[in-house]
Structures are given as C-alpha cells and as structure tokens.
Amino acid sequence: MTKNKFLTIALFISLISACHKNAVTGKRSLSLVPESELMTMSFTQYDQFLKEHPPLPDNDERVVMVRRIGVRIQKSVEEYYKQKNASKDLNGFAWQFNVVDDNTVNAWCMPGGKVVVYTGILPVTQDENSLAVVMGHEIAHAVARHGNQRMSQGLLINFGGQALSIALSQKPAFTQQLFAQAYGVSTGLGALKYSRSHETEADKMGLIFAAMGGYDPEAAIKFWERMSQSGGQKPPELLSTHPSDETRIKDLKAFMPEAKKYYKPQ
C-alpha cells in the first residue's frame, strides 16, 4: 500500500469516527470539534457580542416577550430530548435570551443555548406565535449541531481538520470569524450557509418545539408567506442552499399534521 493511499484511508476513517449521530433524527454529521469546546468558545463570543452590541434592557416589552418564548421553548427542547432518551446532548447548556436593536432581519442561537433576536425581524414576525416559530428554528439548528458541521467543514478546508485549539492559537482572528459565520452571527462577512436538508430539519424540529411550548405551528405558514412577499431578488433554488419560500411553505404544510400532534395551547 502506497503512503498516499494509506493517508487517504486514515483520513477517511478519522472523518467517519468524527461524525456525530443526532439522537433525535438518527442522522450522522461531521463533528470534528467536541461540543464542550464549542460551548466554551460560544460563551466567550456571546459575551463579546453583547459588549459590542448592548442588548435592550430587561424591562423592554420586546425582551420580556423574547424571554417568555425562549423559556417555553427551552422547556420544550428539554422535554423532547428527555422523551428521546437524549438529554445528555444538552449537557452544559446555559440558556440566555437577549434582544439587540438592529434593523437586520436576523436571529441566531450559539451552542449552549445562547440566543439573540434582532429587532429588525419583529416587523416580519408580527406576533408571538410567528416569533416562536423563528426562535424554535434557530434553537433547532443549535441542538441538532448543524453549526458544528459548518464549523468542522471550515476547519477541514482551512486547517486540514486540525483541532479547534490549534486553529485558535495559529489564527485566532480568522477562527473567531469562522465561528461567527458558522452560527449566523456575521452578516457583513458572509455566512456559511446551512444545507437545504439542515434548513428543512430545523423547520420541522422548530415547529415541534414551538408547538410543545404552546405556540400555534400554523403561524409558520403565514410568516414565510410574508417573507416571500417582502421583495428583493433571490437566487434560483438550485443555486441556493436554502429551500425556496414556495418549497419551504409546501414542506411545512405537509409536516403540519405531525407538528399539530405536539400542540399544547397555553
């Protein structure tokens, strides 16, 4: 066996062993970085983000609403994972929910349940049910470790799959930028897009989390209809990592009967 062939096989085996199996979906995804390391980095980056973008005060009605939704979805996630005997996947989570005054239509969740909602998305969500669907979707990305896969892909491309600690010591600024892009925190530098399969998975899991929290999952349809009518040139679906609004709405409608099974009005 040649040296190159041996190295190729060794790399293949190492990548297979680095795959994380989602306890809920049963799917495997590339996970080169231990979730505990990502959480440590997440907590640091989250605090830094809030220093640079001071959150709205606790008594702001928008903050009160976001935290009310967040706590209910947090409980939904914990209950859902408990039912799936997967509570260990949430070890180390230290949930936080904050709102920043920014016109960007955005919301994200870092590893460990670190959530930020931008005020710019509120005119689009319009109501608490729709915002719950959006937050459920972003939290689903985090608990399903989709961001870890994007971060792992970035490390593999730029550092040959080296450990996060090595990447940080060699190129700390670039690695932190990669992290921000992987979790949707960076909008000006371009994000590392989730795959269409990840978006669809987060849509479905997010609906379940919102429904279990007492929010009507039907709100997702109205939200994406508003998004589709918001204007702006969008790339064809085949050239985008996101499902088109039309496909997304169609898939959500197809999944709605299943999501409704978890709906517990409060």
C-alpha atoms as a PDB file:
ATOM      1  CA  MET A   1       0.000   0.000   0.000  1.00  0.00           C
ATOM      2  CA  THR A   2       1.420   3.369  -1.006  1.00  0.00           C
ATOM      3  CA  LYS A   3       1.909   6.123   1.549  1.00  0.00           C
ATOM      4  CA  ASN A   4      -0.666   8.388  -0.133  1.00  0.00           C
ATOM      5  CA  LYS A   5      -3.246   5.618  -0.212  1.00  0.00           C
ATOM      6  CA  PHE A   6      -2.622   4.843   3.444  1.00  0.00           C
ATOM      7  CA  LEU A   7      -3.037   8.506   4.371  1.00  0.00           C
ATOM      8  CA  THR A   8      -6.258   8.698   2.378  1.00  0.00           C
ATOM      9  CA  ILE A   9      -7.686   5.673   4.180  1.00  0.00           C
ATOM     10  CA  ALA A  10      -6.555   7.007   7.560  1.00  0.00           C
ATOM     11  CA  LEU A  11      -8.210  10.358   6.829  1.00  0.00           C
ATOM     12  CA  PHE A  12     -11.416   8.601   5.757  1.00  0.00           C
ATOM     13  CA  ILE A  13     -11.505   6.547   8.966  1.00  0.00           C
ATOM     14  CA  SER A  14     -10.830   9.608  11.112  1.00  0.00           C
ATOM     15  CA  LEU A  15     -13.651  11.519   9.414  1.00  0.00           C
ATOM     16  CA  ILE A  16     -16.087   8.638   9.918  1.00  0.00           C
ATOM     17  CA  SER A  17     -15.176   8.445  13.609  1.00  0.00           C
ATOM     18  CA  ALA A  18     -15.661  12.218  13.871  1.00  0.00           C
ATOM     19  CA  CYS A  19     -19.293  12.005  12.792  1.00  0.00           C
ATOM     20  CA  HIS A  20     -21.928  12.788  15.391  1.00  0.00           C
ATOM     21  CA  LYS A  21     -25.185  10.827  15.377  1.00  0.00           C
ATOM     22  CA  ASN A  22     -28.198  13.003  16.094  1.00  0.00           C
ATOM     23  CA  ALA A  23     -30.081  11.155  18.804  1.00  0.00           C
ATOM     24  CA  VAL A  24     -33.401  12.567  17.597  1.00  0.00           C
ATOM     25  CA  THR A  25     -33.136  12.208  13.814  1.00  0.00           C
ATOM     26  CA  GLY A  26     -30.687   9.312  13.689  1.00  0.00           C
ATOM     27  CA  LYS A  27     -28.647  11.153  11.041  1.00  0.00           C
ATOM     28  CA  ARG A  28     -24.886  11.459  11.162  1.00  0.00           C
ATOM     29  CA  SER A  29     -22.977  14.676  10.509  1.00  0.00           C
ATOM     30  CA  LEU A  30     -19.328  15.745  10.501  1.00  0.00           C
ATOM     31  CA  SER A  31     -18.360  16.872  14.004  1.00  0.00           C
ATOM     32  CA  LEU A  32     -14.621  17.457  14.297  1.00  0.00           C
ATOM     33  CA  VAL A  33     -14.997  19.756  17.292  1.00  0.00           C
ATOM     34  CA  PRO A  34     -16.142  18.454  20.707  1.00  0.00           C
ATOM     35  CA  GLU A  35     -19.338  20.263  21.631  1.00  0.00           C
ATOM     36  CA  SER A  36     -17.814  21.193  25.003  1.00  0.00           C
ATOM     37  CA  GLU A  37     -15.058  23.148  23.218  1.00  0.00           C
ATOM     38  CA  LEU A  38     -17.596  24.914  21.024  1.00  0.00           C
ATOM     39  CA  MET A  39     -19.641  25.829  24.093  1.00  0.00           C
ATOM     40  CA  THR A  40     -16.591  27.349  25.782  1.00  0.00           C
ATOM     41  CA  MET A  41     -15.929  29.404  22.668  1.00  0.00           C
ATOM     42  CA  SER A  42     -19.640  30.217  22.383  1.00  0.00           C
ATOM     43  CA  PHE A  43     -19.892  31.622  25.897  1.00  0.00           C
ATOM     44  CA  THR A  44     -16.873  33.863  25.280  1.00  0.00           C
ATOM     45  CA  GLN A  45     -18.081  35.021  21.858  1.00  0.00           C
ATOM     46  CA  TYR A  46     -21.611  35.636  23.148  1.00  0.00           C
ATOM     47  CA  ASP A  47     -20.363  37.891  25.943  1.00  0.00           C
ATOM     48  CA  GLN A  48     -18.128  39.726  23.478  1.00  0.00           C
ATOM     49  CA  PHE A  49     -21.032  40.209  21.055  1.00  0.00           C
ATOM     50  CA  LEU A  50     -23.199  41.692  23.791  1.00  0.00           C
ATOM     51  CA  LYS A  51     -20.406  44.089  24.799  1.00  0.00           C
ATOM     52  CA  GLU A  52     -20.198  45.315  21.220  1.00  0.00           C
ATOM     53  CA  HIS A  53     -23.987  45.279  20.725  1.00  0.00           C
ATOM     54  CA  PRO A  54     -25.561  46.240  24.066  1.00  0.00           C
ATOM     55  CA  PRO A  55     -28.839  44.347  24.499  1.00  0.00           C
ATOM     56  CA  LEU A  56     -32.117  46.076  25.225  1.00  0.00           C
ATOM     57  CA  PRO A  57     -32.952  46.449  28.947  1.00  0.00           C
ATOM     58  CA  ASP A  58     -34.742  43.696  30.834  1.00  0.00           C
ATOM     59  CA  ASN A  59     -37.946  45.713  31.187  1.00  0.00           C
ATOM     60  CA  ASP A  60     -38.327  46.361  27.440  1.00  0.00           C
ATOM     61  CA  GLU A  61     -41.527  44.647  26.315  1.00  0.00           C
ATOM     62  CA  ARG A  62     -39.713  43.070  23.355  1.00  0.00           C
ATOM     63  CA  VAL A  63     -37.173  41.500  25.702  1.00  0.00           C
ATOM     64  CA  VAL A  64     -39.935  40.280  28.006  1.00  0.00           C
ATOM     65  CA  MET A  65     -41.657  38.637  25.028  1.00  0.00           C
ATOM     66  CA  VAL A  66     -38.490  37.018  23.662  1.00  0.00           C
ATOM     67  CA  ARG A  67     -37.554  35.624  27.072  1.00  0.00           C
ATOM     68  CA  ARG A  68     -41.084  34.338  27.659  1.00  0.00           C
ATOM     69  CA  ILE A  69     -40.926  32.498  24.339  1.00  0.00           C
ATOM     70  CA  GLY A  70     -37.363  31.370  24.975  1.00  0.00           C
ATOM     71  CA  VAL A  71     -38.071  29.796  28.351  1.00  0.00           C
ATOM     72  CA  ARG A  72     -41.090  27.936  26.989  1.00  0.00           C
ATOM     73  CA  ILE A  73     -39.119  26.596  24.023  1.00  0.00           C
ATOM     74  CA  GLN A  74     -36.210  25.694  26.304  1.00  0.00           C
ATOM     75  CA  LYS A  75     -38.592  23.560  28.374  1.00  0.00           C
ATOM     76  CA  SER A  76     -39.962  22.021  25.166  1.00  0.00           C
ATOM     77  CA  VAL A  77     -36.473  21.097  23.967  1.00  0.00           C
ATOM     78  CA  GLU A  78     -35.558  19.577  27.326  1.00  0.00           C
ATOM     79  CA  GLU A  79     -38.787  17.577  27.460  1.00  0.00           C
ATOM     80  CA  TYR A  80     -38.463  16.419  23.843  1.00  0.00           C
ATOM     81  CA  TYR A  81     -34.885  15.244  24.326  1.00  0.00           C
ATOM     82  CA  LYS A  82     -35.871  13.544  27.569  1.00  0.00           C
ATOM     83  CA  GLN A  83     -38.567  11.621  25.691  1.00  0.00           C
ATOM     84  CA  LYS A  84     -35.937  10.547  23.156  1.00  0.00           C
ATOM     85  CA  ASN A  85     -33.506   9.486  25.926  1.00  0.00           C
ATOM     86  CA  ALA A  86     -31.099  12.106  24.578  1.00  0.00           C
ATOM     87  CA  SER A  87     -30.869  14.554  27.488  1.00  0.00           C
ATOM     88  CA  LYS A  88     -27.089  14.097  27.532  1.00  0.00           C
ATOM     89  CA  ASP A  89     -26.914  16.048  24.271  1.00  0.00           C
ATOM     90  CA  LEU A  90     -27.985  19.146  26.228  1.00  0.00           C
ATOM     91  CA  ASN A  91     -25.309  18.825  28.922  1.00  0.00           C
ATOM     92  CA  GLY A  92     -23.579  22.133  29.548  1.00  0.00           C
ATOM     93  CA  PHE A  93     -26.372  24.297  28.131  1.00  0.00           C
ATOM     94  CA  ALA A  94     -26.662  27.683  29.877  1.00  0.00           C
ATOM     95  CA  TRP A  95     -29.621  29.290  28.133  1.00  0.00           C
ATOM     96  CA  GLN A  96     -29.734  33.052  27.565  1.00  0.00           C
ATOM     97  CA  PHE A  97     -32.161  35.147  25.511  1.00  0.00           C
ATOM     98  CA  ASN A  98     -31.376  38.718  24.512  1.00  0.00           C
ATOM     99  CA  VAL A  99     -32.598  41.316  22.015  1.00  0.00           C
ATOM    100  CA  VAL A 100     -30.396  43.829  20.201  1.00  0.00           C
ATOM    101  CA  ASP A 101     -31.606  46.972  18.475  1.00  0.00           C
ATOM    102  CA  ASP A 102     -30.572  46.268  14.891  1.00  0.00           C
ATOM    103  CA  ASN A 103     -32.582  46.556  11.673  1.00  0.00           C
ATOM    104  CA  THR A 104     -31.140  43.317  10.295  1.00  0.00           C
ATOM    105  CA  VAL A 105     -33.795  40.625   9.807  1.00  0.00           C
ATOM    106  CA  ASN A 106     -31.971  38.021  11.854  1.00  0.00           C
ATOM    107  CA  ALA A 107     -31.929  35.757  14.903  1.00  0.00           C
ATOM    108  CA  TRP A 108     -29.461  33.080  15.916  1.00  0.00           C
ATOM    109  CA  CYS A 109     -28.551  30.557  18.583  1.00  0.00           C
ATOM    110  CA  MET A 110     -24.976  29.663  19.521  1.00  0.00           C
ATOM    111  CA  PRO A 111     -24.019  26.331  21.131  1.00  0.00           C
ATOM    112  CA  GLY A 112     -25.252  26.064  24.701  1.00  0.00           C
ATOM    113  CA  GLY A 113     -28.489  27.933  24.080  1.00  0.00           C
ATOM    114  CA  LYS A 114     -27.098  31.461  23.628  1.00  0.00           C
ATOM    115  CA  VAL A 115     -29.844  33.260  21.687  1.00  0.00           C
ATOM    116  CA  VAL A 116     -30.046  36.741  20.179  1.00  0.00           C
ATOM    117  CA  VAL A 117     -33.031  38.213  18.367  1.00  0.00           C
ATOM    118  CA  TYR A 118     -32.615  41.368  16.264  1.00  0.00           C
ATOM    119  CA  THR A 119     -35.378  43.977  16.417  1.00  0.00           C
ATOM    120  CA  GLY A 120     -35.354  44.020  12.606  1.00  0.00           C
ATOM    121  CA  ILE A 121     -37.122  40.660  12.460  1.00  0.00           C
ATOM    122  CA  LEU A 122     -40.029  41.710  14.671  1.00  0.00           C
ATOM    123  CA  PRO A 123     -41.949  43.632  11.965  1.00  0.00           C
ATOM    124  CA  VAL A 124     -41.840  40.454   9.869  1.00  0.00           C
ATOM    125  CA  THR A 125     -42.850  38.024  12.604  1.00  0.00           C
ATOM    126  CA  GLN A 126     -45.556  40.473  13.765  1.00  0.00           C
ATOM    127  CA  ASP A 127     -46.873  38.227  16.545  1.00  0.00           C
ATOM    128  CA  GLU A 128     -45.668  35.949  19.312  1.00  0.00           C
ATOM    129  CA  ASN A 129     -46.578  32.706  17.544  1.00  0.00           C
ATOM    130  CA  SER A 130     -44.511  33.587  14.470  1.00  0.00           C
ATOM    131  CA  LEU A 131     -41.546  34.696  16.568  1.00  0.00           C
ATOM    132  CA  ALA A 132     -41.750  31.410  18.489  1.00  0.00           C
ATOM    133  CA  VAL A 133     -41.513  29.513  15.201  1.00  0.00           C
ATOM    134  CA  VAL A 134     -38.420  31.526  14.207  1.00  0.00           C
ATOM    135  CA  MET A 135     -36.759  31.025  17.587  1.00  0.00           C
ATOM    136  CA  GLY A 136     -37.657  27.340  17.556  1.00  0.00           C
ATOM    137  CA  HIS A 137     -35.999  27.039  14.150  1.00  0.00           C
ATOM    138  CA  GLU A 138     -32.767  28.723  15.279  1.00  0.00           C
ATOM    139  CA  ILE A 139     -32.634  26.709  18.502  1.00  0.00           C
ATOM    140  CA  ALA A 140     -33.204  23.534  16.464  1.00  0.00           C
ATOM    141  CA  HIS A 141     -30.072  24.319  14.430  1.00  0.00           C
ATOM    142  CA  ALA A 142     -28.096  24.540  17.666  1.00  0.00           C
ATOM    143  CA  VAL A 143     -29.385  21.403  19.377  1.00  0.00           C
ATOM    144  CA  ALA A 144     -29.058  19.406  16.132  1.00  0.00           C
ATOM    145  CA  ARG A 145     -25.428  20.602  15.959  1.00  0.00           C
ATOM    146  CA  HIS A 146     -25.755  21.922  12.423  1.00  0.00           C
ATOM    147  CA  GLY A 147     -23.359  24.757  13.250  1.00  0.00           C
ATOM    148  CA  ASN A 148     -20.759  22.248  14.439  1.00  0.00           C
ATOM    149  CA  GLN A 149     -20.858  20.654  11.000  1.00  0.00           C
ATOM    150  CA  ARG A 150     -20.330  24.024   9.293  1.00  0.00           C
ATOM    151  CA  MET A 151     -17.505  24.863  11.694  1.00  0.00           C
ATOM    152  CA  SER A 152     -15.960  21.430  11.107  1.00  0.00           C
ATOM    153  CA  GLN A 153     -16.145  21.888   7.344  1.00  0.00           C
ATOM    154  CA  GLY A 154     -14.443  25.266   7.689  1.00  0.00           C
ATOM    155  CA  LEU A 155     -11.677  23.789   9.863  1.00  0.00           C
ATOM    156  CA  LEU A 156     -11.220  20.915   7.418  1.00  0.00           C
ATOM    157  CA  ILE A 157     -10.908  23.265   4.441  1.00  0.00           C
ATOM    158  CA  ASN A 158      -8.703  25.875   6.074  1.00  0.00           C
ATOM    159  CA  PHE A 159      -6.703  23.877   8.632  1.00  0.00           C
ATOM    160  CA  GLY A 160      -6.814  20.302   7.342  1.00  0.00           C
ATOM    161  CA  GLY A 161      -9.068  19.194  10.180  1.00  0.00           C
ATOM    162  CA  GLN A 162      -6.785  20.373  12.978  1.00  0.00           C
ATOM    163  CA  ALA A 163      -8.188  20.749  16.473  1.00  0.00           C
ATOM    164  CA  LEU A 164     -10.040  23.944  17.313  1.00  0.00           C
ATOM    165  CA  SER A 165      -7.442  24.818  19.969  1.00  0.00           C
ATOM    166  CA  ILE A 166      -4.654  24.636  17.378  1.00  0.00           C
ATOM    167  CA  ALA A 167      -6.619  26.725  14.880  1.00  0.00           C
ATOM    168  CA  LEU A 168      -7.293  29.328  17.567  1.00  0.00           C
ATOM    169  CA  SER A 169      -3.637  29.543  18.577  1.00  0.00           C
ATOM    170  CA  GLN A 170      -2.423  29.820  14.976  1.00  0.00           C
ATOM    171  CA  LYS A 171      -5.054  32.153  13.561  1.00  0.00           C
ATOM    172  CA  PRO A 172      -7.329  33.346  16.376  1.00  0.00           C
ATOM    173  CA  ALA A 173      -8.996  36.193  14.440  1.00  0.00           C
ATOM    174  CA  PHE A 174      -9.770  34.006  11.441  1.00  0.00           C
ATOM    175  CA  THR A 175     -11.065  31.152  13.619  1.00  0.00           C
ATOM    176  CA  GLN A 176     -13.352  33.504  15.547  1.00  0.00           C
ATOM    177  CA  GLN A 177     -14.626  34.898  12.249  1.00  0.00           C
ATOM    178  CA  LEU A 178     -15.251  31.337  11.051  1.00  0.00           C
ATOM    179  CA  PHE A 179     -17.233  30.660  14.222  1.00  0.00           C
ATOM    180  CA  ALA A 180     -19.319  33.803  13.746  1.00  0.00           C
ATOM    181  CA  GLN A 181     -20.081  32.856  10.153  1.00  0.00           C
ATOM    182  CA  ALA A 182     -20.932  29.277  11.105  1.00  0.00           C
ATOM    183  CA  TYR A 183     -23.588  30.414  13.579  1.00  0.00           C
ATOM    184  CA  GLY A 184     -25.082  33.256  11.556  1.00  0.00           C
ATOM    185  CA  VAL A 185     -23.702  35.999  13.816  1.00  0.00           C
ATOM    186  CA  SER A 186     -21.790  37.607  10.958  1.00  0.00           C
ATOM    187  CA  THR A 187     -23.899  39.209   8.254  1.00  0.00           C
ATOM    188  CA  GLY A 188     -21.388  41.531   6.611  1.00  0.00           C
ATOM    189  CA  LEU A 189     -18.682  38.911   6.043  1.00  0.00           C
ATOM    190  CA  GLY A 190     -20.973  36.336   4.513  1.00  0.00           C
ATOM    191  CA  ALA A 191     -22.400  33.363   6.331  1.00  0.00           C
ATOM    192  CA  LEU A 192     -21.561  29.698   5.933  1.00  0.00           C
ATOM    193  CA  LYS A 193     -24.987  28.643   4.779  1.00  0.00           C
ATOM    194  CA  TYR A 194     -26.815  25.678   6.209  1.00  0.00           C
ATOM    195  CA  SER A 195     -27.581  22.988   3.685  1.00  0.00           C
ATOM    196  CA  ARG A 196     -31.138  22.689   2.427  1.00  0.00           C
ATOM    197  CA  SER A 197     -31.503  19.433   4.364  1.00  0.00           C
ATOM    198  CA  HIS A 198     -30.435  21.212   7.568  1.00  0.00           C
ATOM    199  CA  GLU A 199     -32.906  24.018   6.929  1.00  0.00           C
ATOM    200  CA  THR A 200     -35.728  21.530   6.405  1.00  0.00           C
ATOM    201  CA  GLU A 201     -34.736  19.583   9.512  1.00  0.00           C
ATOM    202  CA  ALA A 202     -34.635  22.776  11.610  1.00  0.00           C
ATOM    203  CA  ASP A 203     -38.015  23.835  10.204  1.00  0.00           C
ATOM    204  CA  LYS A 204     -39.598  20.579  11.367  1.00  0.00           C
ATOM    205  CA  MET A 205     -37.874  20.402  14.751  1.00  0.00           C
ATOM    206  CA  GLY A 206     -38.569  24.092  15.327  1.00  0.00           C
ATOM    207  CA  LEU A 207     -42.281  23.560  14.664  1.00  0.00           C
ATOM    208  CA  ILE A 208     -42.356  20.767  17.231  1.00  0.00           C
ATOM    209  CA  PHE A 209     -40.524  22.841  19.854  1.00  0.00           C
ATOM    210  CA  ALA A 210     -42.829  25.825  19.317  1.00  0.00           C
ATOM    211  CA  ALA A 211     -45.944  23.629  19.377  1.00  0.00           C
ATOM    212  CA  MET A 212     -44.888  21.927  22.601  1.00  0.00           C
ATOM    213  CA  GLY A 213     -44.390  25.384  24.093  1.00  0.00           C
ATOM    214  CA  GLY A 214     -47.999  26.282  23.374  1.00  0.00           C
ATOM    215  CA  TYR A 215     -47.479  28.231  20.154  1.00  0.00           C
ATOM    216  CA  ASP A 216     -49.611  27.550  17.085  1.00  0.00           C
ATOM    217  CA  PRO A 217     -47.310  25.998  14.433  1.00  0.00           C
ATOM    218  CA  GLU A 218     -49.661  27.255  11.698  1.00  0.00           C
ATOM    219  CA  ALA A 219     -48.002  30.654  12.233  1.00  0.00           C
ATOM    220  CA  ALA A 220     -45.010  29.357  10.272  1.00  0.00           C
ATOM    221  CA  ILE A 221     -47.029  29.362   7.053  1.00  0.00           C
ATOM    222  CA  LYS A 222     -48.087  32.983   7.450  1.00  0.00           C
ATOM    223  CA  PHE A 223     -44.556  34.021   8.402  1.00  0.00           C
ATOM    224  CA  TRP A 224     -42.987  32.502   5.299  1.00  0.00           C
ATOM    225  CA  GLU A 225     -45.736  33.891   3.119  1.00  0.00           C
ATOM    226  CA  ARG A 226     -44.818  37.330   4.429  1.00  0.00           C
ATOM    227  CA  MET A 227     -41.150  36.597   3.798  1.00  0.00           C
ATOM    228  CA  SER A 228     -41.912  35.577   0.216  1.00  0.00           C
ATOM    229  CA  GLN A 229     -43.735  38.857  -0.336  1.00  0.00           C
ATOM    230  CA  SER A 230     -41.051  41.011   1.271  1.00  0.00           C
ATOM    231  CA  GLY A 231     -39.378  41.674  -2.080  1.00  0.00           C
ATOM    232  CA  GLY A 232     -35.751  41.504  -3.085  1.00  0.00           C
ATOM    233  CA  GLN A 233     -34.041  39.361  -5.716  1.00  0.00           C
ATOM    234  CA  LYS A 234     -33.483  35.789  -4.609  1.00  0.00           C
ATOM    235  CA  PRO A 235     -31.321  33.176  -6.333  1.00  0.00           C
ATOM    236  CA  PRO A 236     -32.967  30.165  -8.005  1.00  0.00           C
ATOM    237  CA  GLU A 237     -33.500  27.305  -5.591  1.00  0.00           C
ATOM    238  CA  LEU A 238     -30.896  25.097  -7.276  1.00  0.00           C
ATOM    239  CA  LEU A 239     -28.277  27.816  -6.740  1.00  0.00           C
ATOM    240  CA  SER A 240     -29.218  28.382  -3.108  1.00  0.00           C
ATOM    241  CA  THR A 241     -28.540  26.327  -0.011  1.00  0.00           C
ATOM    242  CA  HIS A 242     -31.919  27.386   1.350  1.00  0.00           C
ATOM    243  CA  PRO A 243     -35.207  25.976   0.117  1.00  0.00           C
ATOM    244  CA  SER A 244     -37.210  28.462  -1.905  1.00  0.00           C
ATOM    245  CA  ASP A 245     -40.026  30.117   0.026  1.00  0.00           C
ATOM    246  CA  GLU A 246     -42.516  28.144  -2.073  1.00  0.00           C
ATOM    247  CA  THR A 247     -40.837  24.811  -1.332  1.00  0.00           C
ATOM    248  CA  ARG A 248     -40.476  25.680   2.317  1.00  0.00           C
ATOM    249  CA  ILE A 249     -44.168  26.554   2.645  1.00  0.00           C
ATOM    250  CA  LYS A 250     -45.138  23.362   0.835  1.00  0.00           C
ATOM    251  CA  ASP A 251     -42.952  21.244   3.132  1.00  0.00           C
ATOM    252  CA  LEU A 252     -44.253  23.000   6.238  1.00  0.00           C
ATOM    253  CA  LYS A 253     -47.843  22.378   5.193  1.00  0.00           C
ATOM    254  CA  ALA A 254     -47.051  18.701   4.614  1.00  0.00           C
ATOM    255  CA  PHE A 255     -45.461  18.409   8.070  1.00  0.00           C
ATOM    256  CA  MET A 256     -48.150  20.428   9.851  1.00  0.00           C
ATOM    257  CA  PRO A 257     -50.356  17.445  10.861  1.00  0.00           C
ATOM    258  CA  GLU A 258     -47.360  15.909  12.657  1.00  0.00           C
ATOM    259  CA  ALA A 259     -46.463  19.205  14.363  1.00  0.00           C
ATOM    260  CA  LYS A 260     -50.064  19.648  15.482  1.00  0.00           C
ATOM    261  CA  LYS A 261     -49.792  16.438  17.499  1.00  0.00           C
ATOM    262  CA  TYR A 262     -47.426  18.297  19.838  1.00  0.00           C
ATOM    263  CA  TYR A 263     -49.511  21.466  20.071  1.00  0.00           C
ATOM    264  CA  LYS A 264     -50.430  22.283  23.655  1.00  0.00           C
ATOM    265  CA  PRO A 265     -52.199  25.666  23.784  1.00  0.00           C
ATOM    266  CA  GLN A 266     -51.432  27.655  26.931  1.00  0.00           C
END
